[in-house]
């Protein structure tokens, strides 16, 4: 699962061609022992995530909404996407 970004200890990844299980554009987020699938609009789809880190992830998704959507579109087609620096640089 290729990494899209990392910030504040949160690792964000996308699966290639990942459209079957959740049917909604989403990222896979990891923080310590926690793992969750979160839609691009911030909905927790599966798993568990600490409240503070989920809030940070939702804010990140809102700030980088265009870039994350572009990465999702490429990933579902099996294409390479650009990594997003969690601090705002691409």
N, C-alpha and C. Protein backbone atom coordinates (compact mmCIF):
# COMPACT_ATOMS: atom_id res chain seq x y z
N UNK A 1 0.87 -1.16 0.00
CA UNK A 1 0.00 0.00 0.00
C UNK A 1 0.92 1.23 0.00
N UNK A 2 0.95 1.98 -1.09
CA UNK A 2 1.85 3.14 -1.19
C UNK A 2 1.46 4.28 -0.25
N UNK A 3 2.47 4.94 0.26
CA UNK A 3 2.26 6.04 1.19
C UNK A 3 1.96 7.33 0.43
N UNK A 4 0.93 8.03 0.88
CA UNK A 4 0.56 9.32 0.32
C UNK A 4 1.17 10.47 1.12
N UNK A 5 1.19 10.34 2.45
CA UNK A 5 1.70 11.41 3.29
C UNK A 5 1.98 10.89 4.69
N UNK A 6 2.70 11.70 5.46
CA UNK A 6 2.85 11.45 6.89
C UNK A 6 3.03 12.79 7.59
N UNK A 7 2.40 12.91 8.74
CA UNK A 7 2.45 14.14 9.52
C UNK A 7 2.00 13.83 10.94
N UNK A 8 2.66 14.45 11.91
CA UNK A 8 2.32 14.29 13.33
C UNK A 8 2.18 12.82 13.75
N UNK A 9 2.97 11.95 13.15
CA UNK A 9 2.92 10.53 13.47
C UNK A 9 1.83 9.75 12.76
N UNK A 10 1.04 10.43 11.94
CA UNK A 10 -0.03 9.80 11.16
C UNK A 10 0.53 9.45 9.79
N UNK A 11 0.36 8.21 9.37
CA UNK A 11 0.77 7.78 8.03
C UNK A 11 -0.49 7.56 7.22
N UNK A 12 -0.52 8.16 6.02
CA UNK A 12 -1.69 8.06 5.14
C UNK A 12 -1.27 7.28 3.90
N UNK A 13 -2.04 6.26 3.58
CA UNK A 13 -1.74 5.41 2.43
C UNK A 13 -2.98 5.24 1.55
N UNK A 14 -2.73 4.88 0.31
CA UNK A 14 -3.79 4.54 -0.64
C UNK A 14 -3.51 3.16 -1.20
N UNK A 15 -4.54 2.39 -1.42
CA UNK A 15 -4.42 1.10 -2.10
C UNK A 15 -4.63 1.29 -3.59
N UNK A 16 -3.96 0.48 -4.39
CA UNK A 16 -4.21 0.48 -5.82
C UNK A 16 -5.59 -0.16 -6.07
N UNK A 17 -6.37 0.44 -6.94
CA UNK A 17 -7.67 -0.10 -7.38
C UNK A 17 -8.57 -0.48 -6.20
N UNK A 18 -8.60 0.35 -5.17
CA UNK A 18 -9.31 0.07 -3.91
C UNK A 18 -10.72 0.66 -3.95
N UNK A 19 -11.64 0.01 -4.66
CA UNK A 19 -13.00 0.54 -4.77
C UNK A 19 -14.07 -0.44 -4.32
N UNK A 20 -13.72 -1.66 -4.01
CA UNK A 20 -14.73 -2.67 -3.69
C UNK A 20 -15.24 -2.63 -2.26
N UNK A 21 -14.35 -2.55 -1.29
CA UNK A 21 -14.76 -2.73 0.10
C UNK A 21 -15.61 -1.58 0.64
N UNK A 22 -15.23 -0.34 0.39
CA UNK A 22 -15.93 0.79 1.01
C UNK A 22 -16.80 1.58 0.03
N UNK A 23 -16.55 1.43 -1.28
CA UNK A 23 -17.32 2.10 -2.32
C UNK A 23 -17.33 3.62 -2.22
N UNK A 24 -16.37 4.19 -1.55
CA UNK A 24 -16.30 5.62 -1.37
C UNK A 24 -14.83 6.00 -1.40
N UNK A 25 -14.46 7.08 -2.06
CA UNK A 25 -13.05 7.47 -2.04
C UNK A 25 -12.57 7.63 -0.59
N UNK A 26 -11.42 7.01 -0.29
CA UNK A 26 -10.95 7.00 1.09
C UNK A 26 -9.44 6.80 1.15
N UNK A 27 -8.90 7.07 2.31
CA UNK A 27 -7.50 6.81 2.62
C UNK A 27 -7.44 5.80 3.76
N UNK A 28 -6.30 5.17 3.89
CA UNK A 28 -6.04 4.30 5.02
C UNK A 28 -5.04 5.04 5.90
N UNK A 29 -5.40 5.23 7.15
CA UNK A 29 -4.57 6.00 8.07
C UNK A 29 -4.07 5.10 9.19
N UNK A 30 -2.83 5.35 9.60
CA UNK A 30 -2.18 4.56 10.64
C UNK A 30 -1.58 5.51 11.66
N UNK A 31 -1.77 5.17 12.93
CA UNK A 31 -1.18 5.94 14.02
C UNK A 31 -0.90 4.95 15.14
N UNK A 32 0.38 4.66 15.38
CA UNK A 32 0.72 3.65 16.38
C UNK A 32 0.04 2.34 16.04
N UNK A 33 -0.69 1.79 16.99
CA UNK A 33 -1.39 0.52 16.75
C UNK A 33 -2.78 0.72 16.12
N UNK A 34 -3.17 1.95 15.87
CA UNK A 34 -4.48 2.24 15.31
C UNK A 34 -4.44 2.26 13.79
N UNK A 35 -5.52 1.80 13.19
CA UNK A 35 -5.66 1.81 11.73
C UNK A 35 -7.12 2.08 11.40
N UNK A 36 -7.33 2.93 10.38
CA UNK A 36 -8.70 3.25 9.99
C UNK A 36 -8.77 3.57 8.51
N UNK A 37 -9.93 3.33 7.94
CA UNK A 37 -10.25 3.80 6.59
C UNK A 37 -11.15 5.02 6.79
N UNK A 38 -10.76 6.14 6.18
CA UNK A 38 -11.48 7.41 6.34
C UNK A 38 -11.77 7.96 4.96
N UNK A 39 -13.03 8.29 4.71
CA UNK A 39 -13.41 8.83 3.40
C UNK A 39 -12.77 10.20 3.20
N UNK A 40 -12.70 10.62 1.96
CA UNK A 40 -12.08 11.91 1.67
C UNK A 40 -12.86 13.06 2.27
N UNK A 41 -14.12 12.84 2.63
CA UNK A 41 -14.89 13.89 3.31
C UNK A 41 -14.82 13.76 4.83
N UNK A 42 -13.97 12.84 5.33
CA UNK A 42 -13.71 12.75 6.77
C UNK A 42 -14.51 11.72 7.54
N UNK A 43 -15.35 10.96 6.88
CA UNK A 43 -16.17 9.95 7.56
C UNK A 43 -15.31 8.73 7.91
N UNK A 44 -15.39 8.30 9.16
CA UNK A 44 -14.71 7.08 9.58
C UNK A 44 -15.48 5.89 9.02
N UNK A 45 -14.87 5.16 8.09
CA UNK A 45 -15.55 4.05 7.42
C UNK A 45 -15.30 2.71 8.10
N UNK A 46 -14.10 2.54 8.65
CA UNK A 46 -13.75 1.27 9.28
C UNK A 46 -12.56 1.50 10.20
N UNK A 47 -12.45 0.67 11.21
CA UNK A 47 -11.32 0.73 12.12
C UNK A 47 -11.53 1.71 13.25
N UNK A 48 -10.42 1.98 13.95
CA UNK A 48 -10.45 2.90 15.09
C UNK A 48 -9.28 3.86 14.98
N UNK A 49 -9.49 5.08 15.48
CA UNK A 49 -8.46 6.11 15.44
C UNK A 49 -8.66 7.04 16.62
N UNK A 50 -7.60 7.46 17.29
CA UNK A 50 -7.76 8.39 18.42
C UNK A 50 -8.43 9.69 17.97
N UNK A 51 -9.25 10.27 18.81
CA UNK A 51 -10.03 11.46 18.45
C UNK A 51 -9.14 12.62 18.00
N UNK A 52 -8.06 12.88 18.71
CA UNK A 52 -7.18 14.00 18.35
C UNK A 52 -6.57 13.80 16.95
N UNK A 53 -6.09 12.60 16.68
CA UNK A 53 -5.47 12.32 15.39
C UNK A 53 -6.51 12.27 14.26
N UNK A 54 -7.72 11.82 14.57
CA UNK A 54 -8.77 11.83 13.56
C UNK A 54 -9.11 13.27 13.19
N UNK A 55 -9.14 14.14 14.17
CA UNK A 55 -9.38 15.57 13.91
C UNK A 55 -8.27 16.14 13.03
N UNK A 56 -7.02 15.80 13.33
CA UNK A 56 -5.89 16.27 12.51
C UNK A 56 -5.98 15.73 11.09
N UNK A 57 -6.36 14.46 10.95
CA UNK A 57 -6.50 13.85 9.64
C UNK A 57 -7.62 14.53 8.85
N UNK A 58 -8.75 14.80 9.49
CA UNK A 58 -9.86 15.47 8.81
C UNK A 58 -9.45 16.86 8.34
N UNK A 59 -8.70 17.57 9.17
CA UNK A 59 -8.23 18.91 8.78
C UNK A 59 -7.28 18.79 7.58
N UNK A 60 -6.39 17.83 7.61
CA UNK A 60 -5.45 17.60 6.52
C UNK A 60 -6.22 17.28 5.23
N UNK A 61 -7.23 16.40 5.33
CA UNK A 61 -8.04 16.05 4.16
C UNK A 61 -8.73 17.28 3.58
N UNK A 62 -9.18 18.19 4.43
CA UNK A 62 -9.85 19.41 3.96
C UNK A 62 -8.85 20.35 3.28
N UNK A 63 -7.67 20.48 3.84
CA UNK A 63 -6.65 21.38 3.27
C UNK A 63 -6.17 20.86 1.92
N UNK A 64 -5.97 19.56 1.82
CA UNK A 64 -5.42 18.96 0.60
C UNK A 64 -6.48 18.22 -0.22
N UNK A 65 -7.71 18.67 -0.16
CA UNK A 65 -8.81 17.95 -0.81
C UNK A 65 -8.57 17.71 -2.30
N UNK A 66 -8.10 18.70 -3.02
CA UNK A 66 -7.87 18.54 -4.46
C UNK A 66 -6.75 17.53 -4.72
N UNK A 67 -5.64 17.68 -3.99
CA UNK A 67 -4.50 16.79 -4.18
C UNK A 67 -4.83 15.34 -3.81
N UNK A 68 -5.57 15.16 -2.73
CA UNK A 68 -5.94 13.82 -2.30
C UNK A 68 -6.90 13.18 -3.31
N UNK A 69 -7.85 13.95 -3.83
CA UNK A 69 -8.77 13.42 -4.84
C UNK A 69 -8.00 13.01 -6.10
N UNK A 70 -7.04 13.84 -6.52
CA UNK A 70 -6.22 13.49 -7.69
C UNK A 70 -5.44 12.21 -7.44
N UNK A 71 -4.88 12.07 -6.25
CA UNK A 71 -4.13 10.86 -5.90
C UNK A 71 -5.06 9.65 -5.90
N UNK A 72 -6.25 9.80 -5.34
CA UNK A 72 -7.24 8.71 -5.32
C UNK A 72 -7.57 8.28 -6.75
N UNK A 73 -7.86 9.26 -7.60
CA UNK A 73 -8.22 8.96 -8.99
C UNK A 73 -7.12 8.16 -9.68
N UNK A 74 -5.87 8.54 -9.45
CA UNK A 74 -4.75 7.81 -10.05
C UNK A 74 -4.62 6.42 -9.45
N UNK A 75 -4.75 6.31 -8.13
CA UNK A 75 -4.58 5.02 -7.46
C UNK A 75 -5.62 4.01 -7.91
N UNK A 76 -6.87 4.43 -8.08
CA UNK A 76 -7.89 3.46 -8.50
C UNK A 76 -7.66 2.97 -9.93
N UNK A 77 -6.91 3.75 -10.70
CA UNK A 77 -6.55 3.32 -12.05
C UNK A 77 -5.23 2.55 -12.07
N UNK A 78 -4.62 2.41 -10.89
CA UNK A 78 -3.35 1.69 -10.80
C UNK A 78 -2.15 2.53 -11.22
N UNK A 79 -2.32 3.85 -11.25
CA UNK A 79 -1.26 4.76 -11.67
C UNK A 79 -0.54 5.33 -10.46
N UNK A 80 0.72 5.70 -10.67
CA UNK A 80 1.52 6.33 -9.62
C UNK A 80 0.96 7.71 -9.30
N UNK A 81 0.93 8.08 -8.04
CA UNK A 81 0.46 9.40 -7.61
C UNK A 81 1.58 10.13 -6.89
N UNK A 82 1.44 11.44 -6.77
CA UNK A 82 2.43 12.25 -6.09
C UNK A 82 2.20 12.19 -4.59
N UNK A 83 3.30 12.09 -3.83
CA UNK A 83 3.22 12.13 -2.38
C UNK A 83 2.97 13.57 -1.94
N UNK A 84 2.18 13.73 -0.90
CA UNK A 84 1.88 15.05 -0.36
C UNK A 84 2.65 15.20 0.95
N UNK A 85 3.47 16.23 1.04
CA UNK A 85 4.17 16.53 2.28
C UNK A 85 3.13 17.02 3.28
N UNK A 86 3.07 16.40 4.44
CA UNK A 86 2.07 16.75 5.45
C UNK A 86 2.17 18.19 5.94
N UNK A 87 3.30 18.83 5.69
CA UNK A 87 3.48 20.21 6.14
C UNK A 87 3.12 21.22 5.07
N UNK A 88 2.58 20.75 3.95
CA UNK A 88 2.09 21.67 2.94
C UNK A 88 2.86 21.70 1.65
N UNK A 89 3.98 20.99 1.54
CA UNK A 89 4.74 20.97 0.30
C UNK A 89 4.43 19.69 -0.45
N UNK A 90 4.37 19.81 -1.78
CA UNK A 90 4.12 18.64 -2.61
C UNK A 90 5.40 18.21 -3.28
